[in-house]
PDB file of N, CA and C in Angstrom:
ATOM      1  N   MET A   1      37.578 -14.443  21.322  1.00  0.00           N
ATOM      2  CA  MET A   1      36.707 -13.784  20.366  1.00  0.00           C
ATOM      3  C   MET A   1      36.935 -12.274  20.452  1.00  0.00           C
ATOM      4  N   MET A   2      37.116 -11.664  19.320  1.00  0.00           N
ATOM      5  CA  MET A   2      37.367 -10.229  19.244  1.00  0.00           C
ATOM      6  C   MET A   2      36.028  -9.474  19.346  1.00  0.00           C
ATOM      7  N   GLN A   3      36.027  -8.396  20.073  1.00  0.00           N
ATOM      8  CA  GLN A   3      34.848  -7.540  20.149  1.00  0.00           C
ATOM      9  C   GLN A   3      34.780  -6.655  18.918  1.00  0.00           C
ATOM     10  N   CYS A   4      33.597  -6.331  18.502  1.00  0.00           N
ATOM     11  CA  CYS A   4      33.432  -5.490  17.307  1.00  0.00           C
ATOM     12  C   CYS A   4      34.115  -4.134  17.488  1.00  0.00           C
ATOM     13  N   SER A   5      34.067  -3.594  18.695  1.00  0.00           N
ATOM     14  CA  SER A   5      34.663  -2.274  18.930  1.00  0.00           C
ATOM     15  C   SER A   5      36.185  -2.290  18.746  1.00  0.00           C
ATOM     16  N   GLU A   6      36.814  -3.463  18.805  1.00  0.00           N
ATOM     17  CA  GLU A   6      38.259  -3.586  18.636  1.00  0.00           C
ATOM     18  C   GLU A   6      38.653  -3.856  17.181  1.00  0.00           C
ATOM     19  N   CYS A   7      37.672  -4.101  16.327  1.00  0.00           N
ATOM     20  CA  CYS A   7      37.940  -4.486  14.944  1.00  0.00           C
ATOM     21  C   CYS A   7      38.283  -3.255  14.098  1.00  0.00           C
ATOM     22  N   GLU A   8      39.094  -3.471  13.069  1.00  0.00           N
ATOM     23  CA  GLU A   8      39.484  -2.377  12.177  1.00  0.00           C
ATOM     24  C   GLU A   8      38.340  -1.933  11.271  1.00  0.00           C
ATOM     25  N   HIS A   9      37.283  -2.758  11.130  1.00  0.00           N
ATOM     26  CA  HIS A   9      36.149  -2.435  10.266  1.00  0.00           C
ATOM     27  C   HIS A   9      35.007  -1.755  11.028  1.00  0.00           C
ATOM     28  N   PHE A  10      35.240  -1.471  12.292  1.00  0.00           N
ATOM     29  CA  PHE A  10      34.232  -0.829  13.137  1.00  0.00           C
ATOM     30  C   PHE A  10      34.541   0.653  13.283  1.00  0.00           C
ATOM     31  N   LYS A  11      33.536   1.470  13.121  1.00  0.00           N
ATOM     32  CA  LYS A  11      33.672   2.924  13.331  1.00  0.00           C
ATOM     33  C   LYS A  11      32.484   3.390  14.163  1.00  0.00           C
ATOM     34  N   ARG A  12      32.713   4.422  14.948  1.00  0.00           N
ATOM     35  CA  ARG A  12      31.635   5.027  15.735  1.00  0.00           C
ATOM     36  C   ARG A  12      31.312   6.354  15.069  1.00  0.00           C
ATOM     37  N   GLY A  13      30.033   6.539  14.706  1.00  0.00           N
ATOM     38  CA  GLY A  13      29.611   7.756  14.024  1.00  0.00           C
ATOM     39  C   GLY A  13      29.590   8.953  14.951  1.00  0.00           C
ATOM     40  N   SER A  14      29.412  10.141  14.389  1.00  0.00           N
ATOM     41  CA  SER A  14      29.400  11.373  15.186  1.00  0.00           C
ATOM     42  C   SER A  14      28.204  11.405  16.136  1.00  0.00           C
ATOM     43  N   ASP A  15      27.128  10.687  15.770  1.00  0.00           N
ATOM     44  CA  ASP A  15      25.961  10.643  16.647  1.00  0.00           C
ATOM     45  C   ASP A  15      26.009   9.481  17.630  1.00  0.00           C
ATOM     46  N   GLY A  16      27.109   8.733  17.645  1.00  0.00           N
ATOM     47  CA  GLY A  16      27.289   7.647  18.595  1.00  0.00           C
ATOM     48  C   GLY A  16      26.850   6.291  18.065  1.00  0.00           C
ATOM     49  N   ARG A  17      26.311   6.247  16.869  1.00  0.00           N
ATOM     50  CA  ARG A  17      25.867   4.979  16.301  1.00  0.00           C
ATOM     51  C   ARG A  17      27.064   4.170  15.825  1.00  0.00           C
ATOM     52  N   ALA A  18      26.921   2.854  15.911  1.00  0.00           N
ATOM     53  CA  ALA A  18      27.984   1.957  15.454  1.00  0.00           C
ATOM     54  C   ALA A  18      27.865   1.788  13.948  1.00  0.00           C
ATOM     55  N   LEU A  19      28.968   1.917  13.246  1.00  0.00           N
ATOM     56  CA  LEU A  19      29.013   1.732  11.802  1.00  0.00           C
ATOM     57  C   LEU A  19      29.933   0.560  11.494  1.00  0.00           C
ATOM     58  N   PHE A  20      29.411  -0.408  10.783  1.00  0.00           N
ATOM     59  CA  PHE A  20      30.180  -1.600  10.454  1.00  0.00           C
ATOM     60  C   PHE A  20      30.510  -1.585   8.970  1.00  0.00           C
ATOM     61  N   LYS A  21      31.768  -1.747   8.651  1.00  0.00           N
ATOM     62  CA  LYS A  21      32.217  -1.771   7.265  1.00  0.00           C
ATOM     63  C   LYS A  21      32.594  -3.184   6.838  1.00  0.00           C
ATOM     64  N   CYS A  22      32.168  -4.169   7.625  1.00  0.00           N
ATOM     65  CA  CYS A  22      32.524  -5.547   7.294  1.00  0.00           C
ATOM     66  C   CYS A  22      31.709  -6.048   6.104  1.00  0.00           C
ATOM     67  N   ASP A  23      32.337  -6.869   5.323  1.00  0.00           N
ATOM     68  CA  ASP A  23      31.707  -7.517   4.184  1.00  0.00           C
ATOM     69  C   ASP A  23      31.834  -9.022   4.416  1.00  0.00           C
ATOM     70  N   PRO A  24      30.733  -9.744   4.538  1.00  0.00           N
ATOM     71  CA  PRO A  24      30.824 -11.170   4.872  1.00  0.00           C
ATOM     72  C   PRO A  24      31.524 -11.995   3.791  1.00  0.00           C
ATOM     73  N   PHE A  25      31.660 -11.453   2.595  1.00  0.00           N
ATOM     74  CA  PHE A  25      32.294 -12.200   1.510  1.00  0.00           C
ATOM     75  C   PHE A  25      33.762 -11.826   1.330  1.00  0.00           C
ATOM     76  N   ALA A  26      34.217 -10.768   2.006  1.00  0.00           N
ATOM     77  CA  ALA A  26      35.578 -10.312   1.733  1.00  0.00           C
ATOM     78  C   ALA A  26      36.446 -10.179   2.980  1.00  0.00           C
ATOM     79  N   ASN A  27      35.946  -9.578   4.038  1.00  0.00           N
ATOM     80  CA  ASN A  27      36.861  -9.230   5.121  1.00  0.00           C
ATOM     81  C   ASN A  27      36.364  -9.604   6.518  1.00  0.00           C
ATOM     82  N   ILE A  28      35.783 -10.769   6.673  1.00  0.00           N
ATOM     83  CA  ILE A  28      35.391 -11.237   7.997  1.00  0.00           C
ATOM     84  C   ILE A  28      36.654 -11.673   8.744  1.00  0.00           C
ATOM     85  N   MET A  29      36.802 -11.172   9.967  1.00  0.00           N
ATOM     86  CA  MET A  29      38.013 -11.445  10.734  1.00  0.00           C
ATOM     87  C   MET A  29      37.948 -12.801  11.456  1.00  0.00           C
ATOM     88  N   GLU A  30      36.775 -13.134  12.018  1.00  0.00           N
ATOM     89  CA  GLU A  30      36.605 -14.366  12.781  1.00  0.00           C
ATOM     90  C   GLU A  30      35.277 -15.010  12.406  1.00  0.00           C
ATOM     91  N   PRO A  31      35.123 -16.290  12.645  1.00  0.00           N
ATOM     92  CA  PRO A  31      33.841 -16.940  12.332  1.00  0.00           C
ATOM     93  C   PRO A  31      32.658 -16.322  13.077  1.00  0.00           C
ATOM     94  N   GLU A  32      32.894 -15.844  14.293  1.00  0.00           N
ATOM     95  CA  GLU A  32      31.814 -15.226  15.066  1.00  0.00           C
ATOM     96  C   GLU A  32      31.332 -13.927  14.418  1.00  0.00           C
ATOM     97  N   CYS A  33      32.197 -13.313  13.643  1.00  0.00           N
ATOM     98  CA  CYS A  33      31.817 -12.069  12.959  1.00  0.00           C
ATOM     99  C   CYS A  33      30.647 -12.316  12.013  1.00  0.00           C
ATOM    100  N   LEU A  34      30.669 -13.451  11.351  1.00  0.00           N
ATOM    101  CA  LEU A  34      29.593 -13.775  10.424  1.00  0.00           C
ATOM    102  C   LEU A  34      28.268 -13.919  11.166  1.00  0.00           C
ATOM    103  N   VAL A  35      28.314 -14.562  12.328  1.00  0.00           N
ATOM    104  CA  VAL A  35      27.096 -14.720  13.136  1.00  0.00           C
ATOM    105  C   VAL A  35      26.583 -13.350  13.580  1.00  0.00           C
ATOM    106  N   LYS A  36      27.477 -12.489  14.026  1.00  0.00           N
ATOM    107  CA  LYS A  36      27.084 -11.135  14.442  1.00  0.00           C
ATOM    108  C   LYS A  36      26.522 -10.360  13.255  1.00  0.00           C
ATOM    109  N   TRP A  37      27.175 -10.486  12.106  1.00  0.00           N
ATOM    110  CA  TRP A  37      26.711  -9.788  10.914  1.00  0.00           C
ATOM    111  C   TRP A  37      25.301 -10.253  10.535  1.00  0.00           C
ATOM    112  N   GLN A  38      25.050 -11.569  10.610  1.00  0.00           N
ATOM    113  CA  GLN A  38      23.720 -12.106  10.313  1.00  0.00           C
ATOM    114  C   GLN A  38      22.689 -11.583  11.304  1.00  0.00           C
ATOM    115  N   LEU A  39      23.071 -11.492  12.561  1.00  0.00           N
ATOM    116  CA  LEU A  39      22.156 -10.951  13.581  1.00  0.00           C
ATOM    117  C   LEU A  39      21.806  -9.495  13.283  1.00  0.00           C
ATOM    118  N   LEU A  40      22.816  -8.708  12.941  1.00  0.00           N
ATOM    119  CA  LEU A  40      22.573  -7.303  12.607  1.00  0.00           C
ATOM    120  C   LEU A  40      21.656  -7.182  11.392  1.00  0.00           C
ATOM    121  N   ARG A  41      21.907  -7.995  10.394  1.00  0.00           N
ATOM    122  CA  ARG A  41      21.096  -7.955   9.166  1.00  0.00           C
ATOM    123  C   ARG A  41      19.653  -8.359   9.460  1.00  0.00           C
ATOM    124  N   THR A  42      19.463  -9.387  10.276  1.00  0.00           N
ATOM    125  CA  THR A  42      18.117  -9.830  10.647  1.00  0.00           C
ATOM    126  C   THR A  42      17.380  -8.740  11.411  1.00  0.00           C
ATOM    127  N   THR A  43      18.084  -8.081  12.323  1.00  0.00           N
ATOM    128  CA  THR A  43      17.478  -6.992  13.085  1.00  0.00           C
ATOM    129  C   THR A  43      17.076  -5.841  12.169  1.00  0.00           C
ATOM    130  N   GLU A  44      17.952  -5.511  11.246  1.00  0.00           N
ATOM    131  CA  GLU A  44      17.678  -4.431  10.295  1.00  0.00           C
ATOM    132  C   GLU A  44      16.445  -4.751   9.448  1.00  0.00           C
ATOM    133  N   LEU A  45      16.372  -5.983   8.963  1.00  0.00           N
ATOM    134  CA  LEU A  45      15.220  -6.384   8.141  1.00  0.00           C
ATOM    135  C   LEU A  45      13.927  -6.397   8.943  1.00  0.00           C
ATOM    136  N   SER A  46      13.994  -6.820  10.202  1.00  0.00           N
ATOM    137  CA  SER A  46      12.777  -6.828  11.023  1.00  0.00           C
ATOM    138  C   SER A  46      12.299  -5.407  11.310  1.00  0.00           C
ATOM    139  N   GLN A  47      13.236  -4.464  11.457  1.00  0.00           N
ATOM    140  CA  GLN A  47      12.844  -3.065  11.652  1.00  0.00           C
ATOM    141  C   GLN A  47      12.167  -2.515  10.406  1.00  0.00           C
ATOM    142  N   LYS A  48      12.699  -2.863   9.231  1.00  0.00           N
ATOM    143  CA  LYS A  48      12.077  -2.426   7.979  1.00  0.00           C
ATOM    144  C   LYS A  48      10.683  -3.015   7.843  1.00  0.00           C
ATOM    145  N   MET A  49      10.542  -4.283   8.192  1.00  0.00           N
ATOM    146  CA  MET A  49       9.237  -4.924   8.088  1.00  0.00           C
ATOM    147  C   MET A  49       8.248  -4.288   9.067  1.00  0.00           C
ATOM    148  N   ASN A  50       8.691  -3.949  10.248  1.00  0.00           N
ATOM    149  CA  ASN A  50       7.816  -3.284  11.219  1.00  0.00           C
ATOM    150  C   ASN A  50       7.342  -1.940  10.683  1.00  0.00           C
ATOM    151  N   ARG A  51       8.232  -1.201  10.014  1.00  0.00           N
ATOM    152  CA  ARG A  51       7.830   0.081   9.428  1.00  0.00           C
ATOM    153  C   ARG A  51       6.819  -0.131   8.308  1.00  0.00           C
ATOM    154  N   MET A  52       7.019  -1.173   7.499  1.00  0.00           N
ATOM    155  CA  MET A  52       6.079  -1.463   6.422  1.00  0.00           C
ATOM    156  C   MET A  52       4.704  -1.833   6.969  1.00  0.00           C
ATOM    157  N   VAL A  53       4.674  -2.633   8.016  1.00  0.00           N
ATOM    158  CA  VAL A  53       3.407  -3.029   8.640  1.00  0.00           C
ATOM    159  C   VAL A  53       2.718  -1.805   9.240  1.00  0.00           C
ATOM    160  N   ALA A  54       3.483  -0.947   9.879  1.00  0.00           N
ATOM    161  CA  ALA A  54       2.895   0.267  10.454  1.00  0.00           C
ATOM    162  C   ALA A  54       2.306   1.151   9.353  1.00  0.00           C
ATOM    163  N   GLY A  55       3.002   1.269   8.234  1.00  0.00           N
ATOM    164  CA  GLY A  55       2.479   2.045   7.108  1.00  0.00           C
ATOM    165  C   GLY A  55       1.210   1.437   6.546  1.00  0.00           C
ATOM    166  N   TYR A  56       1.173   0.115   6.435  1.00  0.00           N
ATOM    167  CA  TYR A  56      -0.022  -0.579   5.930  1.00  0.00           C
ATOM    168  C   TYR A  56      -1.198  -0.377   6.880  1.00  0.00           C
ATOM    169  N   GLU A  57      -0.942  -0.491   8.186  1.00  0.00           N
ATOM    170  CA  GLU A  57      -2.017  -0.294   9.165  1.00  0.00           C
ATOM    171  C   GLU A  57      -2.522   1.142   9.134  1.00  0.00           C
ATOM    172  N   ALA A  58      -1.637   2.103   8.947  1.00  0.00           N
ATOM    173  CA  ALA A  58      -2.070   3.505   8.842  1.00  0.00           C
ATOM    174  C   ALA A  58      -2.932   3.705   7.598  1.00  0.00           C
ATOM    175  N   THR A  59      -2.562   3.056   6.497  1.00  0.00           N
ATOM    176  CA  THR A  59      -3.359   3.148   5.271  1.00  0.00           C
ATOM    177  C   THR A  59      -4.741   2.552   5.489  1.00  0.00           C
ATOM    178  N   LEU A  60      -4.815   1.405   6.152  1.00  0.00           N
ATOM    179  CA  LEU A  60      -6.113   0.784   6.445  1.00  0.00           C
ATOM    180  C   LEU A  60      -6.969   1.697   7.316  1.00  0.00           C
ATOM    181  N   GLU A  61      -6.350   2.354   8.270  1.00  0.00           N
ATOM    182  CA  GLU A  61      -7.095   3.262   9.152  1.00  0.00           C
ATOM    183  C   GLU A  61      -7.680   4.422   8.353  1.00  0.00           C
ATOM    184  N   ILE A  62      -6.923   4.948   7.419  1.00  0.00           N
ATOM    185  CA  ILE A  62      -7.426   6.035   6.572  1.00  0.00           C
ATOM    186  C   ILE A  62      -8.591   5.541   5.728  1.00  0.00           C
ATOM    187  N   TYR A  63      -8.462   4.331   5.161  1.00  0.00           N
ATOM    188  CA  TYR A  63      -9.553   3.777   4.362  1.00  0.00           C
ATOM    189  C   TYR A  63     -10.813   3.583   5.196  1.00  0.00           C
ATOM    190  N   LYS A  64     -10.655   3.147   6.449  1.00  0.00           N
ATOM    191  CA  LYS A  64     -11.817   2.966   7.334  1.00  0.00           C
ATOM    192  C   LYS A  64     -12.500   4.304   7.607  1.00  0.00           C
ATOM    193  N   ARG A  65     -11.705   5.363   7.768  1.00  0.00           N
ATOM    194  CA  ARG A  65     -12.298   6.677   8.016  1.00  0.00           C
ATOM    195  C   ARG A  65     -12.965   7.228   6.767  1.00  0.00           C
ATOM    196  N   MET A  66     -12.459   6.879   5.595  1.00  0.00           N
ATOM    197  CA  MET A  66     -13.019   7.392   4.341  1.00  0.00           C
ATOM    198  C   MET A  66     -14.248   6.612   3.881  1.00  0.00           C
ATOM    199  N   GLN A  67     -14.449   5.403   4.378  1.00  0.00           N
ATOM    200  CA  GLN A  67     -15.518   4.540   3.897  1.00  0.00           C
ATOM    201  C   GLN A  67     -16.903   5.197   3.986  1.00  0.00           C
ATOM    202  N   PRO A  68     -17.311   5.792   5.108  1.00  0.00           N
ATOM    203  CA  PRO A  68     -18.634   6.420   5.142  1.00  0.00           C
ATOM    204  C   PRO A  68     -18.776   7.559   4.131  1.00  0.00           C
ATOM    205  N   LEU A  69     -17.723   8.330   3.960  1.00  0.00           N
ATOM    206  CA  LEU A  69     -17.752   9.425   2.992  1.00  0.00           C
ATOM    207  C   LEU A  69     -17.880   8.893   1.572  1.00  0.00           C
ATOM    208  N   GLN A  70     -17.167   7.821   1.261  1.00  0.00           N
ATOM    209  CA  GLN A  70     -17.257   7.225  -0.068  1.00  0.00           C
ATOM    210  C   GLN A  70     -18.660   6.686  -0.334  1.00  0.00           C
ATOM    211  N   GLU A  71     -19.238   6.012   0.657  1.00  0.00           N
ATOM    212  CA  GLU A  71     -20.583   5.476   0.479  1.00  0.00           C
ATOM    213  C   GLU A  71     -21.592   6.602   0.255  1.00  0.00           C
ATOM    214  N   LYS A  72     -21.456   7.690   1.006  1.00  0.00           N
ATOM    215  CA  LYS A  72     -22.350   8.830   0.838  1.00  0.00           C
ATOM    216  C   LYS A  72     -22.174   9.437  -0.553  1.00  0.00           C
ATOM    217  N   MET A  73     -20.928   9.543  -1.004  1.00  0.00           N
ATOM    218  CA  MET A  73     -20.649  10.109  -2.313  1.00  0.00           C
ATOM    219  C   MET A  73     -21.222   9.217  -3.421  1.00  0.00           C
ATOM    220  N   PHE A  74     -21.102   7.897  -3.286  1.00  0.00           N
ATOM    221  CA  PHE A  74     -21.657   6.984  -4.293  1.00  0.00           C
ATOM    222  C   PHE A  74     -23.180   7.080  -4.344  1.00  0.00           C
ATOM    223  N   ARG A  75     -23.828   7.158  -3.177  1.00  0.00           N
ATOM    224  CA  ARG A  75     -25.297   7.304  -3.153  1.00  0.00           C
ATOM    225  C   ARG A  75     -25.703   8.599  -3.836  1.00  0.00           C
ATOM    226  N   HIS A  76     -24.978   9.676  -3.577  1.00  0.00           N
ATOM    227  CA  HIS A  76     -25.280  10.960  -4.191  1.00  0.00           C
ATOM    228  C   HIS A  76     -25.106  10.884  -5.708  1.00  0.00           C
ATOM    229  N   MET A  77     -24.020  10.250  -6.151  1.00  0.00           N
ATOM    230  CA  MET A  77     -23.787  10.121  -7.590  1.00  0.00           C
ATOM    231  C   MET A  77     -24.866   9.265  -8.245  1.00  0.00           C
ATOM    232  N   GLU A  78     -25.283   8.180  -7.603  1.00  0.00           N
ATOM    233  CA  GLU A  78     -26.353   7.344  -8.148  1.00  0.00           C
ATOM    234  C   GLU A  78     -27.645   8.151  -8.262  1.00  0.00           C
ATOM    235  N   HIS A  79     -27.930   8.961  -7.243  1.00  0.00           N
ATOM    236  CA  HIS A  79     -29.123   9.799  -7.261  1.00  0.00           C
ATOM    237  C   HIS A  79     -29.057  10.792  -8.425  1.00  0.00           C
ATOM    238  N   GLU A  80     -27.895  11.409  -8.614  1.00  0.00           N
ATOM    239  CA  GLU A  80     -27.729  12.364  -9.713  1.00  0.00           C
ATOM    240  C   GLU A  80     -27.885  11.677 -11.067  1.00  0.00           C
ATOM    241  N   ILE A  81     -27.309  10.500 -11.215  1.00  0.00           N
ATOM    242  CA  ILE A  81     -27.424   9.764 -12.482  1.00  0.00           C
ATOM    243  C   ILE A  81     -28.876   9.384 -12.740  1.00  0.00           C
ATOM    244  N   ASP A  82     -29.584   8.943 -11.711  1.00  0.00           N
ATOM    245  CA  ASP A  82     -31.004   8.605 -11.865  1.00  0.00           C
ATOM    246  C   ASP A  82     -31.811   9.834 -12.273  1.00  0.00           C
ATOM    247  N   ASP A  83     -31.505  10.973 -11.668  1.00  0.00           N
ATOM    248  CA  ASP A  83     -32.208  12.213 -12.027  1.00  0.00           C
ATOM    249  C   ASP A  83     -31.949  12.583 -13.483  1.00  0.00           C
ATOM    250  N   ILE A  84     -30.717  12.448 -13.933  1.00  0.00           N
ATOM    251  CA  ILE A  84     -30.377  12.776 -15.324  1.00  0.00           C
ATOM    252  C   ILE A  84     -31.085  11.829 -16.274  1.00  0.00           C
ATOM    253  N   GLU A  85     -31.086  10.538 -15.957  1.00  0.00           N
ATOM    254  CA  GLU A  85     -31.767   9.567 -16.815  1.00  0.00           C
ATOM    255  C   GLU A  85     -33.267   9.825 -16.858  1.00  0.00           C
ATOM    256  N   GLU A  86     -33.818  10.196 -15.725  1.00  0.00           N
ATOM    257  CA  GLU A  86     -35.254  10.497 -15.669  1.00  0.00           C
ATOM    258  C   GLU A  86     -35.564  11.748 -16.490  1.00  0.00           C
ATOM    259  N   GLY A  87     -34.698  12.737 -16.407  1.00  0.00           N
ATOM    260  CA  GLY A  87     -34.892  13.965 -17.172  1.00  0.00           C
ATOM    261  C   GLY A  87     -34.733  13.753 -18.669  1.00  0.00           C
ATOM    262  N   ASP A  88     -33.896  12.827 -19.075  1.00  0.00           N
ATOM    263  CA  ASP A  88     -33.665  12.544 -20.486  1.00  0.00           C
ATOM    264  C   ASP A  88     -34.624  11.506 -21.053  1.00  0.00           C
ATOM    265  N   ALA A  89     -35.500  10.965 -20.243  1.00  0.00           N
ATOM    266  CA  ALA A  89     -36.411   9.919 -20.700  1.00  0.00           C
ATOM    267  C   ALA A  89     -37.339  10.428 -21.796  1.00  0.00           C
ATOM    268  N   TRP A  90     -37.718  11.722 -21.775  1.00  0.00           N
ATOM    269  CA  TRP A  90     -38.626  12.258 -22.789  1.00  0.00           C
ATOM    270  C   TRP A  90     -37.986  12.250 -24.179  1.00  0.00           C
ATOM    271  N   LYS A  91     -36.609  12.350 -24.199  1.00  0.00           N
ATOM    272  CA  LYS A  91     -35.919  12.362 -25.490  1.00  0.00           C
ATOM    273  C   LYS A  91     -36.032  11.007 -26.183  1.00  0.00           C
ATOM    274  N   LEU A  92     -36.044   9.970 -25.387  1.00  0.00           N
ATOM    275  CA  LEU A  92     -36.064   8.628 -25.937  1.00  0.00           C
ATOM    276  C   LEU A  92     -37.486   8.174 -26.267  1.00  0.00           C
ATOM    277  N   GLY A  93     -38.465   8.899 -25.808  1.00  0.00           N
ATOM    278  CA  GLY A  93     -39.843   8.440 -25.971  1.00  0.00           C
ATOM    279  C   GLY A  93     -40.015   7.266 -25.026  1.00  0.00           C
ATOM    280  N   GLY A  94     -41.048   6.581 -25.100  1.00  0.00           N
ATOM    281  CA  GLY A  94     -41.189   5.411 -24.241  1.00  0.00           C
ATOM    282  C   GLY A  94     -40.597   4.211 -24.940  1.00  0.00           C
ATOM    283  N   GLU A  95     -39.829   3.449 -24.269  1.00  0.00           N
ATOM    284  CA  GLU A  95     -39.255   2.254 -24.874  1.00  0.00           C
ATOM    285  C   GLU A  95     -40.355   1.259 -25.186  1.00  0.00           C
ATOM    286  N   GLU A  96     -41.407   1.236 -24.350  1.00  0.00           N
ATOM    287  CA  GLU A  96     -42.514   0.319 -24.593  1.00  0.00           C
ATOM    288  C   GLU A  96     -43.249   0.706 -25.869  1.00  0.00           C
ATOM    289  N   ASP A  97     -43.406   2.018 -26.125  1.00  0.00           N
ATOM    290  CA  ASP A  97     -44.085   2.470 -27.332  1.00  0.00           C
ATOM    291  C   ASP A  97     -43.316   2.061 -28.575  1.00  0.00           C
ATOM    292  N   ASP A  98     -41.977   2.139 -28.524  1.00  0.00           N
ATOM    293  CA  ASP A  98     -41.154   1.759 -29.672  1.00  0.00           C
ATOM    294  C   ASP A  98     -41.325   0.281 -29.994  1.00  0.00           C
ATOM    295  N   ASP A  99     -41.415  -0.529 -28.971  1.00  0.00           N
ATOM    296  CA  ASP A  99     -41.585  -1.967 -29.190  1.00  0.00           C
ATOM    297  C   ASP A  99     -42.924  -2.262 -29.852  1.00  0.00           C
ATOM    298  N   GLU A 100     -43.977  -1.537 -29.435  1.00  0.00           N
ATOM    299  CA  GLU A 100     -45.301  -1.740 -30.015  1.00  0.00           C
ATOM    300  C   GLU A 100     -45.318  -1.307 -31.479  1.00  0.00           C
ATOM    301  N   ASP A 101     -44.660  -0.171 -31.789  1.00  0.00           N
ATOM    302  CA  ASP A 101     -44.609   0.314 -33.159  1.00  0.00           C
ATOM    303  C   ASP A 101     -43.868  -0.669 -34.050  1.00  0.00           C
ATOM    304  N   GLU A 102     -42.800  -1.246 -33.557  1.00  0.00           N
ATOM    305  CA  GLU A 102     -42.038  -2.202 -34.348  1.00  0.00           C
ATOM    306  C   GLU A 102     -42.860  -3.439 -34.616  1.00  0.00           C
ATOM    307  N   GLU A 103     -43.664  -3.859 -33.628  1.00  0.00           N
ATOM    308  CA  GLU A 103     -44.487  -5.041 -33.817  1.00  0.00           C
ATOM    309  C   GLU A 103     -45.564  -4.784 -34.868  1.00  0.00           C
ATOM    310  N   LYS A 104     -46.164  -3.599 -34.854  1.00  0.00           N
ATOM    311  CA  LYS A 104     -47.206  -3.266 -35.817  1.00  0.00           C
ATOM    312  C   LYS A 104     -46.640  -3.183 -37.231  1.00  0.00           C
ATOM    313  N   GLY A 105     -45.480  -2.629 -37.367  1.00  0.00           N
ATOM    314  CA  GLY A 105     -44.861  -2.452 -38.666  1.00  0.00           C
ATOM    315  C   GLY A 105     -44.371  -3.770 -39.242  1.00  0.00           C
ATOM    316  N   ALA A 106     -44.154  -4.736 -38.421  1.00  0.00           N
ATOM    317  CA  ALA A 106     -43.626  -6.013 -38.873  1.00  0.00           C
ATOM    318  C   ALA A 106     -44.684  -6.827 -39.609  1.00  0.00           C
ATOM    319  N   TYR A 107     -45.980  -6.533 -39.376  1.00  0.00           N
ATOM    320  CA  TYR A 107     -47.021  -7.339 -40.019  1.00  0.00           C
ATOM    321  C   TYR A 107     -47.413  -6.794 -41.328  1.00  0.00           C
TER     322      TYR A 107
END
């Protein structure tokens, strides 16, 4: 079995990382190369998934920290809306009075 470092499709980057130029559909040298390529691909995908999970967990943590502030803001907004509705109630007159007037006029 040939080692990857001996293969013509293997290069070592300037930072020391291994760079593979193999294509499983075109230039696999030995059957074991395909197994190694699959292992590398699986490792790469698991690293991406770990980063995605870490990002999701960080987002959840931010939402947990924001939850009390959001609840306080919603209570404040509800209070403001109630105050505005209460202040505008005189413009509408009493809704009960309107119903009584409509009943009287109907007869």
